Every structure is written in structure tokens, then in C-alpha cells.
Amino acid sequence: AIYCIFVFTPIDYLHSLLMYFITGCLGTTVTYHRYLSHKSYKTRPIFVKLGTLCATLGGIGSSIGWVSVHRQHHRFSDTEKDPHSPKFGFFRSFYGSVLAEPNVRYVTDLLQNKFQVKMHEYYWIVNIIFAILLLTLGGVHTWLVWHVFPSFILWTTMGVVNTASHMWGYRNYPNTREDSRNNWFAALVAWGEGWHNNHHGDAGNWSFQRRWWEFDISKQVIKLIKL
């Protein structure tokens, strides 16, 4: 990532941000989080499969692993069993999702889905094939622009949400049993995910927006694909 910061051109950054939209918004937020984790809306199977592929290419783990960790976060939020609560240190909150041990008891529904199981089994193969394709088409620089740096952005913004949105901000739902906050910066960089107290207050709602100025770009995407 440090190398990329020094050598990337403005066009490179734009391309990486485009890929981050594909992997972060369409993949992680719209599909992994709001659909697979919470079943908060209905859509056509083709959008679920495409969204799962997009998130997979973001380097954040398989749907089965990610959803398991996220559901543990909701069940044990801001307790010692929370995989990434900032109450137990910056490293745990920022990189806890990387180190957390997925538990199959939280993803029994996904384990019955053949497509999600296959994407889990072939997670590394899918990413290696994508890397080889990029290296073949444009060399190392193209791979960095479209695969490595967007993954770095995604991991970083996930860490921002896990950390900032449980430490700083305001609460529309003051009676939730954890320390979730609405953080405008986290919402800006993570496609609306920073309206975190809104989400914890009503986890089954596909929109994280409660006030007119709480812009949630992922909500706008879901409006286009939901049934």
C-alpha cells in the first residue's frame, strides 16, 4: 500500500476507488452485510451471486467466514466475545475480523447454500485466478491498481467502521445494549455503514438512514435491485 501511494497517478486512484465501490459497496455492504448477514431485503439470485463474487475479490474472506464473524459481533457486541470491539484495544477492533475464528453455528443457513459453500471452498483460487488475469493483461501495476490497493482500502474502511462507530458519534437509538454510534466520517468512506447505531437499533432494516441528511449510498443501490 505504501508503494502504491508513492507511484499511483490520479487515474490509478480513480480506478482503485471504482474497484472499491464494486468490492466494498456492491459486494461487502449490499451483499455480505445487508443481504446475507441480515436478510434485510429480497432480490434475484443473480444479484446475490454477483455481489458475493464482488466481495470475494475484495480480499475480505468468504461470505461464510465474514457473515459468521459479523453475526457474532451483533450477538456479543462490545463484550469480551465480540470479535472486534474497540473496548479491548485498537488492534482488536481494526483487525479483529482478520483474526477472528468463524463459528459454523452462526451460518447454518449459508452452509445449505451450494453456491456460498463453493465460493468458500474456492476463495483463494478465485482470487489467484483474478490476480493472474490482471498480471497477464497489464502486469504488476494493473494488479496493484485493481486488486491489491482496493483490498487495502476495503480492509481499512472496515476497520474505521468497527472502531470509530463504536467510540465517537451520536445515537438515534440510545437504548441499544452496546456502544454503537452514528459516525459521519465512517459513513462517508464506507458507503453508509457508519450510520452504525441506526443499524444496531434496527438490524433488519436494509436502509441505515433515519434522518434526511444521513446519506446512505448502499440504500440507493439496494432500491435498484430489491424485489
C-alpha atoms as a PDB file:
ATOM      1  CA  ALA A   1       0.000   0.000   0.000  1.00  0.00           C
ATOM      2  CA  ILE A   2       2.848   2.408   0.819  1.00  0.00           C
ATOM      3  CA  TYR A   3       4.408   1.672  -2.569  1.00  0.00           C
ATOM      4  CA  CYS A   4       1.085   2.369  -4.298  1.00  0.00           C
ATOM      5  CA  ILE A   5       0.704   5.718  -2.541  1.00  0.00           C
ATOM      6  CA  PHE A   6       4.050   6.870  -3.947  1.00  0.00           C
ATOM      7  CA  VAL A   7       3.680   5.621  -7.529  1.00  0.00           C
ATOM      8  CA  PHE A   8      -0.042   5.865  -8.323  1.00  0.00           C
ATOM      9  CA  THR A   9      -1.321   8.528 -10.710  1.00  0.00           C
ATOM     10  CA  PRO A  10      -4.722  10.255 -10.242  1.00  0.00           C
ATOM     11  CA  ILE A  11      -6.192   7.835 -12.816  1.00  0.00           C
ATOM     12  CA  ASP A  12      -4.832   4.878 -10.832  1.00  0.00           C
ATOM     13  CA  TYR A  13      -6.572   6.172  -7.720  1.00  0.00           C
ATOM     14  CA  LEU A  14      -9.829   6.605  -9.618  1.00  0.00           C
ATOM     15  CA  HIS A  15      -9.638   3.035 -10.903  1.00  0.00           C
ATOM     16  CA  SER A  16      -8.891   1.702  -7.407  1.00  0.00           C
ATOM     17  CA  LEU A  17     -11.833   3.662  -5.984  1.00  0.00           C
ATOM     18  CA  LEU A  18     -14.069   2.239  -8.701  1.00  0.00           C
ATOM     19  CA  MET A  19     -12.965  -1.254  -7.733  1.00  0.00           C
ATOM     20  CA  TYR A  20     -13.517  -0.368  -4.072  1.00  0.00           C
ATOM     21  CA  PHE A  21     -17.101   0.588  -4.966  1.00  0.00           C
ATOM     22  CA  ILE A  22     -17.532  -2.816  -6.629  1.00  0.00           C
ATOM     23  CA  THR A  23     -15.983  -4.817  -3.763  1.00  0.00           C
ATOM     24  CA  GLY A  24     -16.954  -2.591  -0.846  1.00  0.00           C
ATOM     25  CA  CYS A  25     -20.399  -1.274  -1.702  1.00  0.00           C
ATOM     26  CA  LEU A  26     -21.859  -3.847  -4.120  1.00  0.00           C
ATOM     27  CA  GLY A  27     -20.045  -6.770  -2.527  1.00  0.00           C
ATOM     28  CA  THR A  28     -19.453  -6.280   1.180  1.00  0.00           C
ATOM     29  CA  THR A  29     -22.162  -3.831   2.218  1.00  0.00           C
ATOM     30  CA  VAL A  30     -25.044  -4.647  -0.104  1.00  0.00           C
ATOM     31  CA  THR A  31     -24.478  -8.416  -0.310  1.00  0.00           C
ATOM     32  CA  TYR A  32     -22.382  -9.782   2.578  1.00  0.00           C
ATOM     33  CA  HIS A  33     -23.797  -7.423   5.191  1.00  0.00           C
ATOM     34  CA  ARG A  34     -27.320  -6.341   4.432  1.00  0.00           C
ATOM     35  CA  TYR A  35     -28.422  -9.399   2.457  1.00  0.00           C
ATOM     36  CA  LEU A  36     -26.516 -12.481   3.634  1.00  0.00           C
ATOM     37  CA  SER A  37     -25.962 -11.426   7.245  1.00  0.00           C
ATOM     38  CA  HIS A  38     -29.340  -9.865   7.994  1.00  0.00           C
ATOM     39  CA  LYS A  39     -31.703 -10.921   5.180  1.00  0.00           C
ATOM     40  CA  SER A  40     -32.977  -7.363   5.240  1.00  0.00           C
ATOM     41  CA  TYR A  41     -34.301  -7.379   1.663  1.00  0.00           C
ATOM     42  CA  LYS A  42     -35.187  -9.747  -1.159  1.00  0.00           C
ATOM     43  CA  THR A  43     -33.549  -9.754  -4.571  1.00  0.00           C
ATOM     44  CA  ARG A  44     -32.912 -12.004  -7.534  1.00  0.00           C
ATOM     45  CA  PRO A  45     -30.370 -14.849  -7.060  1.00  0.00           C
ATOM     46  CA  ILE A  46     -28.164 -13.492  -9.842  1.00  0.00           C
ATOM     47  CA  PHE A  47     -27.536 -10.293  -7.837  1.00  0.00           C
ATOM     48  CA  VAL A  48     -26.615 -12.326  -4.755  1.00  0.00           C
ATOM     49  CA  LYS A  49     -24.109 -14.379  -6.738  1.00  0.00           C
ATOM     50  CA  LEU A  50     -22.581 -11.347  -8.449  1.00  0.00           C
ATOM     51  CA  GLY A  51     -22.390  -9.479  -5.151  1.00  0.00           C
ATOM     52  CA  THR A  52     -20.732 -12.453  -3.467  1.00  0.00           C
ATOM     53  CA  LEU A  53     -18.133 -12.589  -6.234  1.00  0.00           C
ATOM     54  CA  CYS A  54     -17.503  -8.845  -5.894  1.00  0.00           C
ATOM     55  CA  ALA A  55     -16.906  -9.134  -2.140  1.00  0.00           C
ATOM     56  CA  THR A  56     -14.698 -12.185  -2.624  1.00  0.00           C
ATOM     57  CA  LEU A  57     -12.433 -10.188  -4.937  1.00  0.00           C
ATOM     58  CA  GLY A  58     -12.153  -7.577  -2.179  1.00  0.00           C
ATOM     59  CA  GLY A  59      -9.948  -9.922  -0.187  1.00  0.00           C
ATOM     60  CA  ILE A  60     -12.055  -9.810   2.969  1.00  0.00           C
ATOM     61  CA  GLY A  61     -12.736 -13.521   3.237  1.00  0.00           C
ATOM     62  CA  SER A  62     -15.534 -15.779   2.111  1.00  0.00           C
ATOM     63  CA  SER A  63     -19.181 -14.994   2.761  1.00  0.00           C
ATOM     64  CA  ILE A  64     -19.365 -17.852   5.257  1.00  0.00           C
ATOM     65  CA  GLY A  65     -16.421 -16.529   7.258  1.00  0.00           C
ATOM     66  CA  TRP A  66     -17.442 -12.862   7.084  1.00  0.00           C
ATOM     67  CA  VAL A  67     -21.089 -13.449   7.976  1.00  0.00           C
ATOM     68  CA  SER A  68     -20.170 -15.717  10.879  1.00  0.00           C
ATOM     69  CA  VAL A  69     -17.915 -13.061  12.392  1.00  0.00           C
ATOM     70  CA  HIS A  70     -20.474 -10.311  11.818  1.00  0.00           C
ATOM     71  CA  ARG A  71     -23.294 -12.249  13.442  1.00  0.00           C
ATOM     72  CA  GLN A  72     -21.044 -12.919  16.437  1.00  0.00           C
ATOM     73  CA  HIS A  73     -20.422  -9.178  16.597  1.00  0.00           C
ATOM     74  CA  HIS A  74     -24.151  -8.498  16.846  1.00  0.00           C
ATOM     75  CA  ARG A  75     -24.800 -11.181  19.419  1.00  0.00           C
ATOM     76  CA  PHE A  76     -21.904 -10.209  21.705  1.00  0.00           C
ATOM     77  CA  SER A  77     -21.432  -6.574  20.707  1.00  0.00           C
ATOM     78  CA  ASP A  78     -18.913  -4.735  22.897  1.00  0.00           C
ATOM     79  CA  THR A  79     -18.399  -7.692  25.202  1.00  0.00           C
ATOM     80  CA  GLU A  80     -15.326  -9.900  25.504  1.00  0.00           C
ATOM     81  CA  LYS A  81     -16.830 -12.266  22.931  1.00  0.00           C
ATOM     82  CA  ASP A  82     -17.188  -9.509  20.336  1.00  0.00           C
ATOM     83  CA  PRO A  83     -14.637 -10.251  17.557  1.00  0.00           C
ATOM     84  CA  HIS A  84     -13.797  -6.569  17.044  1.00  0.00           C
ATOM     85  CA  SER A  85     -14.907  -4.299  19.853  1.00  0.00           C
ATOM     86  CA  PRO A  86     -12.736  -1.191  20.425  1.00  0.00           C
ATOM     87  CA  LYS A  87     -13.295  -1.618  24.165  1.00  0.00           C
ATOM     88  CA  PHE A  88     -10.476  -4.163  24.074  1.00  0.00           C
ATOM     89  CA  GLY A  89      -7.909  -2.229  22.079  1.00  0.00           C
ATOM     90  CA  PHE A  90      -7.330  -0.629  18.701  1.00  0.00           C
ATOM     91  CA  PHE A  91      -5.701  -3.685  17.137  1.00  0.00           C
ATOM     92  CA  ARG A  92      -8.637  -5.915  18.013  1.00  0.00           C
ATOM     93  CA  SER A  93     -11.219  -3.520  16.628  1.00  0.00           C
ATOM     94  CA  PHE A  94      -9.313  -2.585  13.471  1.00  0.00           C
ATOM     95  CA  TYR A  95      -8.032  -6.032  12.520  1.00  0.00           C
ATOM     96  CA  GLY A  96     -10.254  -8.275  14.616  1.00  0.00           C
ATOM     97  CA  SER A  97     -12.155  -9.530  11.597  1.00  0.00           C
ATOM     98  CA  VAL A  98      -8.915 -10.897  10.161  1.00  0.00           C
ATOM     99  CA  LEU A  99      -8.017 -12.814  13.297  1.00  0.00           C
ATOM    100  CA  ALA A 100     -11.490 -13.906  14.445  1.00  0.00           C
ATOM    101  CA  GLU A 101     -12.368 -17.588  14.360  1.00  0.00           C
ATOM    102  CA  PRO A 102     -15.574 -18.133  12.345  1.00  0.00           C
ATOM    103  CA  ASN A 103     -18.101 -20.374  14.065  1.00  0.00           C
ATOM    104  CA  VAL A 104     -20.294 -22.546  11.846  1.00  0.00           C
ATOM    105  CA  ARG A 105     -23.200 -22.342  14.297  1.00  0.00           C
ATOM    106  CA  TYR A 106     -23.863 -18.793  13.052  1.00  0.00           C
ATOM    107  CA  VAL A 107     -24.002 -19.681   9.358  1.00  0.00           C
ATOM    108  CA  THR A 108     -26.078 -22.855   9.158  1.00  0.00           C
ATOM    109  CA  ASP A 109     -28.235 -21.166   6.520  1.00  0.00           C
ATOM    110  CA  LEU A 110     -25.250 -20.410   4.278  1.00  0.00           C
ATOM    111  CA  LEU A 111     -23.869 -23.921   4.714  1.00  0.00           C
ATOM    112  CA  GLN A 112     -27.023 -25.168   2.995  1.00  0.00           C
ATOM    113  CA  ASN A 113     -26.411 -22.892   0.011  1.00  0.00           C
ATOM    114  CA  LYS A 114     -24.279 -24.736  -2.556  1.00  0.00           C
ATOM    115  CA  PHE A 115     -23.061 -21.547  -4.237  1.00  0.00           C
ATOM    116  CA  GLN A 116     -21.892 -19.947  -0.980  1.00  0.00           C
ATOM    117  CA  VAL A 117     -20.166 -23.178   0.082  1.00  0.00           C
ATOM    118  CA  LYS A 118     -18.325 -23.393  -3.249  1.00  0.00           C
ATOM    119  CA  MET A 119     -17.263 -19.747  -3.014  1.00  0.00           C
ATOM    120  CA  HIS A 120     -15.908 -20.525   0.440  1.00  0.00           C
ATOM    121  CA  GLU A 121     -14.038 -23.612  -0.744  1.00  0.00           C
ATOM    122  CA  TYR A 122     -12.550 -21.847  -3.771  1.00  0.00           C
ATOM    123  CA  TYR A 123     -11.998 -18.426  -2.173  1.00  0.00           C
ATOM    124  CA  TRP A 124      -8.240 -18.415  -2.719  1.00  0.00           C
ATOM    125  CA  ILE A 125      -8.487 -19.965  -6.175  1.00  0.00           C
ATOM    126  CA  VAL A 126     -10.910 -17.237  -7.283  1.00  0.00           C
ATOM    127  CA  ASN A 127      -8.544 -14.523  -6.048  1.00  0.00           C
ATOM    128  CA  ILE A 128      -5.475 -16.182  -7.570  1.00  0.00           C
ATOM    129  CA  ILE A 129      -7.203 -16.504 -10.947  1.00  0.00           C
ATOM    130  CA  PHE A 130      -8.197 -12.837 -10.777  1.00  0.00           C
ATOM    131  CA  ALA A 131      -4.618 -11.872  -9.913  1.00  0.00           C
ATOM    132  CA  ILE A 132      -3.189 -13.948 -12.776  1.00  0.00           C
ATOM    133  CA  LEU A 133      -5.683 -12.396 -15.187  1.00  0.00           C
ATOM    134  CA  LEU A 134      -4.673  -8.869 -14.140  1.00  0.00           C
ATOM    135  CA  LEU A 135      -0.959  -9.713 -14.273  1.00  0.00           C
ATOM    136  CA  THR A 136      -1.411 -11.162 -17.752  1.00  0.00           C
ATOM    137  CA  LEU A 137      -3.358  -8.179 -19.051  1.00  0.00           C
ATOM    138  CA  GLY A 138      -1.285  -5.386 -17.561  1.00  0.00           C
ATOM    139  CA  GLY A 139       1.473  -6.592 -15.304  1.00  0.00           C
ATOM    140  CA  VAL A 140       2.123  -5.914 -11.642  1.00  0.00           C
ATOM    141  CA  HIS A 141       0.906  -2.325 -11.793  1.00  0.00           C
ATOM    142  CA  THR A 142      -2.517  -3.359 -13.070  1.00  0.00           C
ATOM    143  CA  TRP A 143      -2.748  -5.989 -10.335  1.00  0.00           C
ATOM    144  CA  LEU A 144      -1.918  -3.388  -7.694  1.00  0.00           C
ATOM    145  CA  VAL A 145      -4.486  -0.924  -9.058  1.00  0.00           C
ATOM    146  CA  TRP A 146      -7.412  -3.333  -9.425  1.00  0.00           C
ATOM    147  CA  HIS A 147      -6.789  -5.931  -6.706  1.00  0.00           C
ATOM    148  CA  VAL A 148      -4.239  -5.091  -4.026  1.00  0.00           C
ATOM    149  CA  PHE A 149      -4.895  -1.418  -3.290  1.00  0.00           C
ATOM    150  CA  PRO A 150      -8.717  -1.673  -3.397  1.00  0.00           C
ATOM    151  CA  SER A 151      -8.450  -4.541  -0.894  1.00  0.00           C
ATOM    152  CA  PHE A 152      -6.282  -2.341   1.327  1.00  0.00           C
ATOM    153  CA  ILE A 153      -8.907   0.420   1.152  1.00  0.00           C
ATOM    154  CA  LEU A 154     -11.685  -2.035   1.991  1.00  0.00           C
ATOM    155  CA  TRP A 155      -9.889  -3.522   4.994  1.00  0.00           C
ATOM    156  CA  THR A 156      -9.054  -0.014   6.233  1.00  0.00           C
ATOM    157  CA  THR A 157     -12.589   1.348   5.953  1.00  0.00           C
ATOM    158  CA  MET A 158     -13.972  -1.781   7.640  1.00  0.00           C
ATOM    159  CA  GLY A 159     -11.576  -1.075  10.490  1.00  0.00           C
ATOM    160  CA  VAL A 160     -12.757   2.540  10.620  1.00  0.00           C
ATOM    161  CA  VAL A 161     -16.379   1.390  10.951  1.00  0.00           C
ATOM    162  CA  ASN A 162     -15.561  -1.228  13.595  1.00  0.00           C
ATOM    163  CA  THR A 163     -13.583   1.308  15.622  1.00  0.00           C
ATOM    164  CA  ALA A 164     -14.984   4.816  15.118  1.00  0.00           C
ATOM    165  CA  SER A 165     -18.624   3.731  15.014  1.00  0.00           C
ATOM    166  CA  HIS A 166     -18.345   2.210  18.477  1.00  0.00           C
ATOM    167  CA  MET A 167     -16.490   5.160  20.001  1.00  0.00           C
ATOM    168  CA  TRP A 168     -17.451   8.545  18.508  1.00  0.00           C
ATOM    169  CA  GLY A 169     -20.756   9.931  17.283  1.00  0.00           C
ATOM    170  CA  TYR A 170     -24.385  10.303  18.229  1.00  0.00           C
ATOM    171  CA  ARG A 171     -27.170   7.804  18.858  1.00  0.00           C
ATOM    172  CA  ASN A 172     -30.653   7.806  17.346  1.00  0.00           C
ATOM    173  CA  TYR A 173     -31.284   4.607  19.314  1.00  0.00           C
ATOM    174  CA  PRO A 174     -29.972   5.428  22.812  1.00  0.00           C
ATOM    175  CA  ASN A 175     -31.252   2.218  24.386  1.00  0.00           C
ATOM    176  CA  THR A 176     -29.242  -0.326  22.397  1.00  0.00           C
ATOM    177  CA  ARG A 177     -27.250  -2.633  24.653  1.00  0.00           C
ATOM    178  CA  GLU A 178     -23.883  -1.741  23.098  1.00  0.00           C
ATOM    179  CA  ASP A 179     -21.869   1.379  22.314  1.00  0.00           C
ATOM    180  CA  SER A 180     -22.749   1.799  18.638  1.00  0.00           C
ATOM    181  CA  ARG A 181     -22.579   5.345  17.286  1.00  0.00           C
ATOM    182  CA  ASN A 182     -23.510   7.152  14.103  1.00  0.00           C
ATOM    183  CA  ASN A 183     -20.239   8.472  12.706  1.00  0.00           C
ATOM    184  CA  TRP A 184     -20.426  10.680   9.628  1.00  0.00           C
ATOM    185  CA  PHE A 185     -16.821  10.055   8.555  1.00  0.00           C
ATOM    186  CA  ALA A 186     -17.236   6.269   8.687  1.00  0.00           C
ATOM    187  CA  ALA A 187     -20.475   6.626   6.730  1.00  0.00           C
ATOM    188  CA  LEU A 188     -18.713   8.719   4.098  1.00  0.00           C
ATOM    189  CA  VAL A 189     -15.824   6.331   3.479  1.00  0.00           C
ATOM    190  CA  ALA A 190     -17.783   3.073   3.869  1.00  0.00           C
ATOM    191  CA  TRP A 191     -20.894   3.516   1.737  1.00  0.00           C
ATOM    192  CA  GLY A 192     -23.264   4.371   4.608  1.00  0.00           C
ATOM    193  CA  GLU A 193     -22.003   1.757   7.061  1.00  0.00           C
ATOM    194  CA  GLY A 194     -21.036   4.474   9.548  1.00  0.00           C
ATOM    195  CA  TRP A 195     -24.687   5.071  10.482  1.00  0.00           C
ATOM    196  CA  HIS A 196     -23.953   2.234  12.828  1.00  0.00           C
ATOM    197  CA  ASN A 197     -26.282   2.996  15.731  1.00  0.00           C
ATOM    198  CA  ASN A 198     -29.156   3.125  13.250  1.00  0.00           C
ATOM    199  CA  HIS A 199     -28.155  -0.357  12.117  1.00  0.00           C
ATOM    200  CA  HIS A 200     -27.815  -1.805  15.605  1.00  0.00           C
ATOM    201  CA  GLY A 201     -31.100  -0.212  16.603  1.00  0.00           C
ATOM    202  CA  ASP A 202     -32.938  -1.890  13.708  1.00  0.00           C
ATOM    203  CA  ALA A 203     -30.671  -4.552  12.210  1.00  0.00           C
ATOM    204  CA  GLY A 204     -33.369  -5.935   9.925  1.00  0.00           C
ATOM    205  CA  ASN A 205     -33.752  -2.665   8.025  1.00  0.00           C
ATOM    206  CA  TRP A 206     -31.876  -2.505   4.718  1.00  0.00           C
ATOM    207  CA  SER A 207     -31.662   1.279   4.967  1.00  0.00           C
ATOM    208  CA  PHE A 208     -29.285   2.776   7.531  1.00  0.00           C
ATOM    209  CA  GLN A 209     -30.736   6.244   7.007  1.00  0.00           C
ATOM    210  CA  ARG A 210     -33.053   7.692   9.663  1.00  0.00           C
ATOM    211  CA  ARG A 211     -32.606  11.437   9.255  1.00  0.00           C
ATOM    212  CA  TRP A 212     -32.870  13.169   5.885  1.00  0.00           C
ATOM    213  CA  TRP A 213     -29.198  14.176   5.876  1.00  0.00           C
ATOM    214  CA  GLU A 214     -27.861  10.701   6.760  1.00  0.00           C
ATOM    215  CA  PHE A 215     -26.999   9.802   3.175  1.00  0.00           C
ATOM    216  CA  ASP A 216     -26.673   6.053   2.629  1.00  0.00           C
ATOM    217  CA  ILE A 217     -25.410   5.227  -0.851  1.00  0.00           C
ATOM    218  CA  SER A 218     -25.865   1.481  -0.275  1.00  0.00           C
ATOM    219  CA  LYS A 219     -29.551   2.128   0.331  1.00  0.00           C
ATOM    220  CA  GLN A 220     -29.795   3.689  -3.123  1.00  0.00           C
ATOM    221  CA  VAL A 221     -28.156   0.626  -4.684  1.00  0.00           C
ATOM    222  CA  ILE A 222     -30.498  -1.750  -2.869  1.00  0.00           C
ATOM    223  CA  LYS A 223     -33.512   0.219  -4.087  1.00  0.00           C
ATOM    224  CA  LEU A 224     -32.440  -0.680  -7.624  1.00  0.00           C
ATOM    225  CA  ILE A 225     -32.169  -4.439  -7.071  1.00  0.00           C
ATOM    226  CA  LYS A 226     -34.614  -5.369  -4.335  1.00  0.00           C
ATOM    227  CA  LEU A 227     -37.900  -7.101  -5.141  1.00  0.00           C
END
